[in-house]
N, C-alpha and C. Protein backbone atom coordinates (compact mmCIF):
# COMPACT_ATOMS: atom_id res chain seq x y z
N MET A 1 1.27 -1.31 -0.22
CA MET A 1 0.14 -0.27 -0.25
C MET A 1 0.72 1.44 -0.12
N ALA A 2 2.18 1.19 0.11
CA ALA A 2 3.05 2.37 -0.03
C ALA A 2 3.05 3.05 -1.07
N ALA A 3 2.90 2.18 -2.31
CA ALA A 3 3.00 2.77 -3.53
C ALA A 3 1.86 3.55 -3.96
N GLU A 4 0.66 3.58 -3.02
CA GLU A 4 -0.79 4.33 -3.39
C GLU A 4 -0.23 6.05 -3.79
N LYS A 5 -1.00 6.11 -4.37
CA LYS A 5 -1.31 7.85 -4.90
C LYS A 5 -1.62 8.25 -3.95
N PRO A 6 -1.14 9.58 -3.67
CA PRO A 6 -1.51 10.58 -2.28
C PRO A 6 -3.51 10.87 -2.51
N TYR A 7 -3.90 10.97 -1.31
CA TYR A 7 -5.50 11.39 -1.52
C TYR A 7 -5.57 12.17 -2.36
N ARG A 8 -4.90 13.58 -2.37
CA ARG A 8 -5.38 14.56 -2.94
C ARG A 8 -5.13 15.01 -4.68
N ARG A 9 -4.19 13.72 -4.98
CA ARG A 9 -4.27 13.59 -6.66
C ARG A 9 -5.30 12.69 -7.09
N LEU A 10 -6.17 12.20 -6.35
CA LEU A 10 -6.86 11.00 -6.55
C LEU A 10 -8.16 11.51 -6.86
N PRO A 11 -8.83 11.85 -8.26
CA PRO A 11 -10.35 11.91 -8.43
C PRO A 11 -11.19 11.77 -7.07
N LEU A 12 -12.06 12.92 -7.19
CA LEU A 12 -13.44 12.38 -6.65
C LEU A 12 -13.96 10.81 -6.30
N ARG A 13 -14.30 9.89 -7.74
CA ARG A 13 -15.03 9.12 -8.30
C ARG A 13 -13.90 8.04 -7.62
N GLU A 14 -12.99 8.43 -7.37
CA GLU A 14 -11.25 7.22 -7.62
C GLU A 14 -11.64 7.10 -5.91
N LEU A 15 -11.80 8.11 -5.06
CA LEU A 15 -11.33 8.34 -3.73
C LEU A 15 -13.35 7.70 -3.25
N LEU A 16 -14.47 7.63 -3.53
CA LEU A 16 -15.73 7.19 -3.66
C LEU A 16 -15.81 5.67 -3.71
N THR A 17 -15.21 5.42 -4.69
CA THR A 17 -14.53 3.88 -5.30
C THR A 17 -14.36 3.36 -4.58
N ASP A 18 -13.04 3.70 -4.20
CA ASP A 18 -11.77 2.84 -2.74
C ASP A 18 -11.99 2.80 -1.40
N ALA A 19 -13.09 4.00 -1.32
CA ALA A 19 -13.87 4.00 0.39
C ALA A 19 -14.71 2.78 0.28
N GLY A 20 -15.56 2.56 -0.88
CA GLY A 20 -16.78 1.69 -0.79
C GLY A 20 -15.77 0.28 -0.67
N LYS A 21 -15.08 0.22 -1.41
CA LYS A 21 -14.24 -1.53 -1.37
C LYS A 21 -13.62 -1.49 0.10
N ARG A 22 -12.97 -0.56 0.66
CA ARG A 22 -12.12 -0.69 1.85
C ARG A 22 -13.44 -1.04 3.00
N ALA A 23 -14.98 -0.31 2.80
CA ALA A 23 -15.68 0.03 3.66
C ALA A 23 -16.29 -1.68 3.59
N ARG A 24 -16.48 -2.42 2.47
CA ARG A 24 -16.80 -3.68 2.06
C ARG A 24 -15.65 -4.79 2.34
N GLY A 25 -14.44 -4.26 2.74
CA GLY A 25 -13.17 -5.46 3.55
C GLY A 25 -13.63 -5.23 4.77
N LEU A 26 -13.73 -4.23 5.27
CA LEU A 26 -13.99 -3.79 6.62
C LEU A 26 -14.88 -4.48 7.15
N SER A 27 -16.54 -4.68 6.42
CA SER A 27 -17.57 -4.93 6.96
C SER A 27 -16.86 -6.67 7.02
N GLU A 28 -16.28 -7.20 5.88
CA GLU A 28 -15.73 -8.62 6.04
C GLU A 28 -15.08 -9.04 7.22
N GLN A 29 -14.43 -8.26 7.62
CA GLN A 29 -13.29 -8.80 8.39
C GLN A 29 -14.05 -8.46 9.66
N ILE A 30 -14.77 -7.65 10.25
CA ILE A 30 -15.78 -7.46 10.68
C ILE A 30 -16.56 -8.75 11.12
N SER A 31 -17.58 -9.49 10.29
CA SER A 31 -18.54 -9.95 9.97
C SER A 31 -17.97 -11.50 9.99
N ASN A 32 -16.89 -11.87 9.44
CA ASN A 32 -16.13 -13.18 9.14
C ASN A 32 -14.91 -13.45 10.14
N HIS A 33 -14.03 -12.56 10.04
CA HIS A 33 -13.03 -13.36 10.79
C HIS A 33 -12.59 -12.53 12.29
N LEU A 34 -13.20 -11.67 12.75
CA LEU A 34 -13.41 -11.02 13.90
C LEU A 34 -14.10 -11.56 15.09
N THR A 35 -15.32 -12.11 14.46
CA THR A 35 -16.32 -12.15 15.46
C THR A 35 -16.16 -13.97 15.56
N ALA A 36 -15.67 -14.46 14.78
CA ALA A 36 -15.23 -16.15 14.59
C ALA A 36 -13.88 -16.36 15.34
N ARG A 37 -13.02 -15.50 15.41
CA ARG A 37 -11.79 -15.00 16.56
C ARG A 37 -12.40 -15.08 17.90
N ALA A 38 -13.62 -14.02 18.12
CA ALA A 38 -14.46 -13.67 19.62
C ALA A 38 -14.85 -15.34 20.39
N ALA A 39 -15.61 -15.65 18.75
CA ALA A 39 -16.06 -17.19 19.18
C ALA A 39 -15.50 -18.50 19.67
N ASP A 40 -14.24 -18.70 19.29
CA ASP A 40 -13.29 -19.01 19.54
C ASP A 40 -12.79 -19.42 21.18
N LEU A 41 -12.75 -17.73 21.44
CA LEU A 41 -12.23 -17.54 22.81
C LEU A 41 -13.61 -17.70 23.93
N ARG A 42 -14.44 -17.26 23.62
CA ARG A 42 -15.57 -17.72 24.05
C ARG A 42 -16.19 -19.13 24.60
N GLU A 43 -15.88 -19.95 23.50
CA GLU A 43 -16.08 -20.99 23.39
C GLU A 43 -15.20 -21.85 24.49
N LEU A 44 -13.69 -21.61 24.40
CA LEU A 44 -12.35 -22.29 25.84
C LEU A 44 -13.14 -21.45 27.30
N SER A 45 -13.54 -20.51 27.11
CA SER A 45 -13.69 -19.89 28.51
C SER A 45 -15.13 -19.94 29.09
N ARG A 46 -16.26 -20.41 28.31
CA ARG A 46 -17.46 -20.54 29.05
C ARG A 46 -17.34 -21.73 29.52
N PRO A 47 -18.67 -22.03 31.05
CA PRO A 47 -18.17 -23.08 31.96
C PRO A 47 -18.66 -24.27 31.30
N ILE A 48 -19.25 -24.75 30.32
CA ILE A 48 -19.81 -26.02 29.56
C ILE A 48 -18.85 -25.84 28.65
N ARG A 49 -17.95 -27.02 28.38
CA ARG A 49 -17.24 -26.54 26.95
C ARG A 49 -17.27 -28.17 26.25
N ARG A 50 -17.49 -27.43 25.03
CA ARG A 50 -17.60 -29.06 23.92
C ARG A 50 -16.67 -29.87 23.37
N ARG A 51 -15.08 -28.87 23.22
CA ARG A 51 -13.88 -30.15 23.26
C ARG A 51 -13.46 -29.95 24.73
N SER A 52 -12.90 -30.05 25.22
CA SER A 52 -12.22 -29.98 26.52
C SER A 52 -13.00 -29.27 27.65
N HIS A 53 -12.97 -30.45 28.73
CA HIS A 53 -13.51 -30.03 29.90
C HIS A 53 -12.07 -29.13 30.51
N TYR A 54 -11.06 -28.68 30.14
CA TYR A 54 -10.28 -28.20 30.95
C TYR A 54 -9.45 -27.93 30.00
N PRO A 55 -9.48 -26.80 29.45
CA PRO A 55 -8.72 -26.19 28.14
C PRO A 55 -7.04 -25.70 29.00
N THR A 56 -6.21 -25.83 28.08
CA THR A 56 -4.83 -25.29 28.77
C THR A 56 -5.01 -23.99 29.15
N LEU A 57 -3.89 -23.00 29.98
CA LEU A 57 -3.81 -21.84 30.16
C LEU A 57 -3.24 -21.29 28.56
N LEU A 58 -2.45 -22.14 27.95
CA LEU A 58 -1.70 -21.73 26.77
C LEU A 58 -3.02 -21.82 25.51
N ALA A 59 -3.50 -22.33 25.54
CA ALA A 59 -4.79 -22.37 24.51
C ALA A 59 -5.40 -21.32 24.55
N LEU A 60 -6.10 -20.89 26.04
CA LEU A 60 -6.11 -19.47 26.02
C LEU A 60 -5.80 -18.00 25.88
N LEU A 61 -4.80 -18.54 26.23
CA LEU A 61 -3.63 -17.29 26.16
C LEU A 61 -3.34 -17.22 24.44
N ASN A 62 -3.63 -18.28 23.44
CA ASN A 62 -3.10 -18.18 22.61
C ASN A 62 -4.70 -17.18 21.93
N SER A 63 -5.68 -18.23 21.91
CA SER A 63 -7.04 -17.68 21.36
C SER A 63 -7.04 -15.96 21.58
N LEU A 64 -6.87 -15.36 22.63
CA LEU A 64 -6.89 -14.00 23.36
C LEU A 64 -5.62 -13.40 22.44
N GLN A 65 -4.74 -13.94 22.05
CA GLN A 65 -3.79 -12.97 21.26
C GLN A 65 -4.14 -12.91 19.21
N LYS A 66 -4.85 -14.33 19.75
CA LYS A 66 -5.41 -14.31 18.16
C LYS A 66 -6.26 -12.81 17.64
N LEU A 67 -7.38 -12.80 18.99
CA LEU A 67 -8.53 -11.58 18.80
C LEU A 67 -7.68 -10.32 19.00
N PHE A 68 -6.60 -10.21 19.73
CA PHE A 68 -5.57 -8.73 19.86
C PHE A 68 -5.47 -8.41 18.81
N GLU A 69 -4.48 -9.70 17.96
CA GLU A 69 -4.13 -9.08 16.65
C GLU A 69 -5.32 -8.65 15.32
N MET A 70 -6.82 -9.59 15.85
CA MET A 70 -7.49 -9.50 14.50
C MET A 70 -7.96 -8.30 14.98
N GLN A 71 -7.76 -7.20 16.21
CA GLN A 71 -8.49 -6.48 16.74
C GLN A 71 -7.87 -5.39 16.03
N GLY A 72 -6.11 -5.29 16.41
CA GLY A 72 -5.58 -4.60 15.31
C GLY A 72 -5.34 -4.11 13.89
N GLU A 73 -5.73 -4.96 13.23
CA GLU A 73 -5.23 -5.21 11.83
C GLU A 73 -7.43 -4.65 11.62
N THR A 74 -8.31 -4.66 12.24
CA THR A 74 -9.44 -4.17 12.27
C THR A 74 -9.13 -2.74 12.54
N ASP A 75 -8.81 -2.10 13.43
CA ASP A 75 -8.28 -1.04 13.73
C ASP A 75 -7.77 -0.34 13.02
N GLU A 76 -6.61 -0.78 11.94
CA GLU A 76 -6.00 -0.15 11.16
C GLU A 76 -6.76 -0.06 9.65
N MET A 77 -7.48 -0.74 9.10
CA MET A 77 -8.58 -0.91 8.58
C MET A 77 -9.50 0.30 8.40
N ALA A 78 -9.99 0.05 9.91
CA ALA A 78 -10.81 1.43 10.42
C ALA A 78 -10.18 2.58 10.16
N ASP A 79 -9.23 2.12 10.42
CA ASP A 79 -8.18 3.83 10.67
C ASP A 79 -7.73 5.14 9.17
N TYR A 80 -7.77 3.87 8.45
CA TYR A 80 -7.30 4.00 6.74
C TYR A 80 -9.35 4.71 5.93
N LEU A 81 -9.68 4.21 6.55
CA LEU A 81 -11.19 4.35 5.74
C LEU A 81 -11.66 5.66 6.34
N MET A 82 -11.20 5.55 7.47
CA MET A 82 -12.13 6.97 8.45
C MET A 82 -10.82 8.15 7.50
N ARG A 83 -9.73 8.11 7.37
CA ARG A 83 -8.63 9.10 6.72
C ARG A 83 -9.11 9.49 5.67
N GLU A 84 -9.83 8.29 4.91
CA GLU A 84 -9.84 8.97 3.45
C GLU A 84 -11.57 8.98 3.41
N LEU A 85 -12.63 8.93 4.13
CA LEU A 85 -13.64 9.05 4.41
C LEU A 85 -13.51 11.11 4.74
N ASP A 86 -12.18 11.69 5.50
CA ASP A 86 -12.23 12.31 5.92
C ASP A 86 -11.89 13.66 4.79
N GLU A 87 -10.88 13.03 3.89
CA GLU A 87 -10.44 13.43 2.77
C GLU A 87 -11.46 13.65 1.56
N ILE A 88 -12.35 12.35 1.55
CA ILE A 88 -13.54 13.07 0.78
C ILE A 88 -14.51 13.67 0.56
N ARG A 89 -15.03 14.27 2.40
CA ARG A 89 -15.28 15.23 2.73
C ARG A 89 -14.57 16.95 2.63
N GLU A 90 -13.15 16.17 2.22
CA GLU A 90 -12.31 18.09 2.11
C GLU A 90 -12.37 18.04 1.00
N HIS A 91 -12.09 17.16 0.00
CA HIS A 91 -12.39 17.21 -1.35
C HIS A 91 -13.78 17.71 -1.84
N ALA A 92 -15.38 17.36 -1.15
CA ALA A 92 -16.28 17.63 -1.80
C ALA A 92 -16.22 19.21 -1.26
N LYS A 93 -16.09 19.67 0.02
CA LYS A 93 -16.14 21.20 0.48
C LYS A 93 -15.11 21.65 -0.67
N ARG A 94 -14.80 21.75 -1.11
CA ARG A 94 -13.30 22.34 -2.32
C ARG A 94 -13.99 22.57 -3.41
N GLU A 95 -14.83 21.58 -3.65
CA GLU A 95 -15.44 21.37 -5.19
C GLU A 95 -16.42 22.30 -5.17
N ARG A 96 -17.40 22.33 -4.20
CA ARG A 96 -18.41 23.36 -3.68
C ARG A 96 -18.21 24.49 -3.53
N LEU A 97 -17.34 25.28 -3.14
CA LEU A 97 -16.69 25.85 -3.20
C LEU A 97 -15.93 26.88 -4.28
N ASN A 98 -15.29 25.97 -4.99
CA ASN A 98 -14.95 26.29 -6.46
C ASN A 98 -16.30 26.86 -7.34
N ARG A 99 -17.14 25.97 -6.78
CA ARG A 99 -18.33 25.82 -8.00
C ARG A 99 -19.14 27.54 -7.75
N LYS A 100 -19.27 28.54 -6.82
CA LYS A 100 -19.60 29.09 -6.38
C LYS A 100 -19.30 30.39 -7.06
């Protein structure tokens, strides 16, 4: 992603298209991956377990670590999308001022 064009050089249509793709990606990340990691952790920590009645501390730590990693990735995706949406808003403001 380091070779991407700066936001200000992209036309508004490309910014909107890219923001839409990133929003769908973030939605997929949350609905499929993050909830799966949370469900795995819940399965290990609930009183009645399906797999092992006594999961190891290492299994709990690994599950928690995976959840934190997924949360970090999700936060990065959300931050990037928010920066892009802010640039779209600024771009729209500039266009509105230029038309007056």
